[in-house]
Amino acid sequence: MSWMALTGSVLHVKSTIRERDNPRYRTASIAFHSVGLVVALWIDPLLALPFGFLLIRAVVVPQHGWRPTRIGAVEILGSLIVLAVAIVAL
């Protein structure tokens, strides 16, 4: 499942930095994270915690107004949550 979180992270960052003026990237990011949450729930409800956070992040983080460092800090937090749940799930 970590590959799915990393893929979603790349899509989200691209939608907020390079393609921030293209609404299709934001829509794709939200759709990808929604599917990720459903898959995580299907595999293990514990995995829904990080994927729920990542979905909320995809919806809440604005397309304009945030500097890349702030976006990166949120991505690091998301990655740490994924790592923590992966360790607990073992």
C-alpha atoms as a PDB file:
ATOM      1  CA  MET A   1       0.000   0.000   0.000  1.00  0.00           C
ATOM      2  CA  SER A   2       2.951   2.348   0.405  1.00  0.00           C
ATOM      3  CA  TRP A   3       3.358   2.466  -3.378  1.00  0.00           C
ATOM      4  CA  MET A   4      -0.198   3.764  -3.613  1.00  0.00           C
ATOM      5  CA  ALA A   5       0.496   6.481  -1.058  1.00  0.00           C
ATOM      6  CA  LEU A   6       3.666   7.541  -2.880  1.00  0.00           C
ATOM      7  CA  THR A   7       1.895   7.601  -6.237  1.00  0.00           C
ATOM      8  CA  GLY A   8      -0.857   9.725  -4.714  1.00  0.00           C
ATOM      9  CA  SER A   9       1.748  12.048  -3.237  1.00  0.00           C
ATOM     10  CA  VAL A  10       3.358  12.621  -6.634  1.00  0.00           C
ATOM     11  CA  LEU A  11      -0.027  13.306  -8.210  1.00  0.00           C
ATOM     12  CA  HIS A  12      -1.031  15.664  -5.407  1.00  0.00           C
ATOM     13  CA  VAL A  13       2.213  17.655  -5.481  1.00  0.00           C
ATOM     14  CA  LYS A  14       2.007  17.973  -9.261  1.00  0.00           C
ATOM     15  CA  SER A  15      -1.573  19.243  -8.920  1.00  0.00           C
ATOM     16  CA  THR A  16      -0.524  21.904  -6.396  1.00  0.00           C
ATOM     17  CA  ILE A  17       2.731  23.122  -7.944  1.00  0.00           C
ATOM     18  CA  ARG A  18       3.328  22.526 -11.658  1.00  0.00           C
ATOM     19  CA  GLU A  19      -0.257  21.944 -12.774  1.00  0.00           C
ATOM     20  CA  ARG A  20      -2.032  24.147 -10.237  1.00  0.00           C
ATOM     21  CA  ASP A  21      -3.914  25.953 -13.023  1.00  0.00           C
ATOM     22  CA  ASN A  22      -5.220  22.675 -14.473  1.00  0.00           C
ATOM     23  CA  PRO A  23      -8.330  21.549 -12.543  1.00  0.00           C
ATOM     24  CA  ARG A  24      -8.139  18.054 -14.059  1.00  0.00           C
ATOM     25  CA  TYR A  25      -5.054  17.254 -11.982  1.00  0.00           C
ATOM     26  CA  ARG A  26      -6.824  18.227  -8.760  1.00  0.00           C
ATOM     27  CA  THR A  27      -9.834  16.122  -9.752  1.00  0.00           C
ATOM     28  CA  ALA A  28      -7.548  13.188 -10.593  1.00  0.00           C
ATOM     29  CA  SER A  29      -5.756  13.559  -7.258  1.00  0.00           C
ATOM     30  CA  ILE A  30      -9.006  13.534  -5.286  1.00  0.00           C
ATOM     31  CA  ALA A  31     -10.340  10.574  -7.299  1.00  0.00           C
ATOM     32  CA  PHE A  32      -7.097   8.618  -6.836  1.00  0.00           C
ATOM     33  CA  HIS A  33      -7.108   9.198  -3.082  1.00  0.00           C
ATOM     34  CA  SER A  34     -10.796   8.250  -2.850  1.00  0.00           C
ATOM     35  CA  VAL A  35     -10.096   4.934  -4.567  1.00  0.00           C
ATOM     36  CA  GLY A  36      -7.060   4.474  -2.310  1.00  0.00           C
ATOM     37  CA  LEU A  37      -9.234   4.920   0.769  1.00  0.00           C
ATOM     38  CA  VAL A  38     -11.749   2.340  -0.472  1.00  0.00           C
ATOM     39  CA  VAL A  39      -8.969  -0.150  -1.270  1.00  0.00           C
ATOM     40  CA  ALA A  40      -7.358   0.457   2.127  1.00  0.00           C
ATOM     41  CA  LEU A  41     -10.675  -0.152   3.889  1.00  0.00           C
ATOM     42  CA  TRP A  42     -11.106  -3.367   1.912  1.00  0.00           C
ATOM     43  CA  ILE A  43      -7.621  -4.646   2.814  1.00  0.00           C
ATOM     44  CA  ASP A  44      -7.426  -3.532   6.457  1.00  0.00           C
ATOM     45  CA  PRO A  45      -9.444  -0.859   8.286  1.00  0.00           C
ATOM     46  CA  LEU A  46      -6.257   0.303  10.033  1.00  0.00           C
ATOM     47  CA  LEU A  47      -4.891   1.379   6.644  1.00  0.00           C
ATOM     48  CA  ALA A  48      -7.854   3.715   6.269  1.00  0.00           C
ATOM     49  CA  LEU A  49      -6.271   6.117   8.777  1.00  0.00           C
ATOM     50  CA  PRO A  50      -3.400   7.325   6.595  1.00  0.00           C
ATOM     51  CA  PHE A  51      -5.449   7.158   3.416  1.00  0.00           C
ATOM     52  CA  GLY A  52      -8.205   9.167   5.067  1.00  0.00           C
ATOM     53  CA  PHE A  53      -5.614  11.809   5.979  1.00  0.00           C
ATOM     54  CA  LEU A  54      -4.243  11.787   2.434  1.00  0.00           C
ATOM     55  CA  LEU A  55      -7.727  12.221   0.976  1.00  0.00           C
ATOM     56  CA  ILE A  56      -8.477  15.118   3.319  1.00  0.00           C
ATOM     57  CA  ARG A  57      -5.129  16.648   2.358  1.00  0.00           C
ATOM     58  CA  ALA A  58      -5.968  16.314  -1.360  1.00  0.00           C
ATOM     59  CA  VAL A  59      -9.263  18.135  -0.801  1.00  0.00           C
ATOM     60  CA  VAL A  60      -8.139  20.809   1.678  1.00  0.00           C
ATOM     61  CA  VAL A  61      -4.691  21.935   0.477  1.00  0.00           C
ATOM     62  CA  PRO A  62      -5.316  24.900  -1.828  1.00  0.00           C
ATOM     63  CA  GLN A  63      -4.113  25.029  -5.406  1.00  0.00           C
ATOM     64  CA  HIS A  64      -2.827  28.588  -4.945  1.00  0.00           C
ATOM     65  CA  GLY A  65      -1.282  30.444  -2.053  1.00  0.00           C
ATOM     66  CA  TRP A  66       0.898  27.796  -0.424  1.00  0.00           C
ATOM     67  CA  ARG A  67       4.643  27.786  -0.933  1.00  0.00           C
ATOM     68  CA  PRO A  68       6.277  24.492  -1.979  1.00  0.00           C
ATOM     69  CA  THR A  69       7.955  24.165   1.440  1.00  0.00           C
ATOM     70  CA  ARG A  70       4.582  24.140   3.180  1.00  0.00           C
ATOM     71  CA  ILE A  71       3.206  21.602   0.702  1.00  0.00           C
ATOM     72  CA  GLY A  72       6.327  19.484   1.270  1.00  0.00           C
ATOM     73  CA  ALA A  73       5.868  19.618   5.037  1.00  0.00           C
ATOM     74  CA  VAL A  74       2.331  18.250   4.673  1.00  0.00           C
ATOM     75  CA  GLU A  75       3.662  15.513   2.372  1.00  0.00           C
ATOM     76  CA  ILE A  76       6.309  14.539   4.925  1.00  0.00           C
ATOM     77  CA  LEU A  77       3.626  14.332   7.614  1.00  0.00           C
ATOM     78  CA  GLY A  78       1.508  12.109   5.349  1.00  0.00           C
ATOM     79  CA  SER A  79       4.480   9.846   4.643  1.00  0.00           C
ATOM     80  CA  LEU A  80       5.247   9.539   8.361  1.00  0.00           C
ATOM     81  CA  ILE A  81       1.641   8.569   9.064  1.00  0.00           C
ATOM     82  CA  VAL A  82       1.796   5.908   6.327  1.00  0.00           C
ATOM     83  CA  LEU A  83       5.071   4.607   7.784  1.00  0.00           C
ATOM     84  CA  ALA A  84       3.721   4.484  11.338  1.00  0.00           C
ATOM     85  CA  VAL A  85       0.607   2.560  10.315  1.00  0.00           C
ATOM     86  CA  ALA A  86       2.687   0.186   8.167  1.00  0.00           C
ATOM     87  CA  ILE A  87       4.899  -0.587  11.175  1.00  0.00           C
ATOM     88  CA  VAL A  88       1.906  -1.130  13.450  1.00  0.00           C
ATOM     89  CA  ALA A  89       0.155  -3.296  10.851  1.00  0.00           C
ATOM     90  CA  LEU A  90       3.130  -5.685  10.691  1.00  0.00           C
END
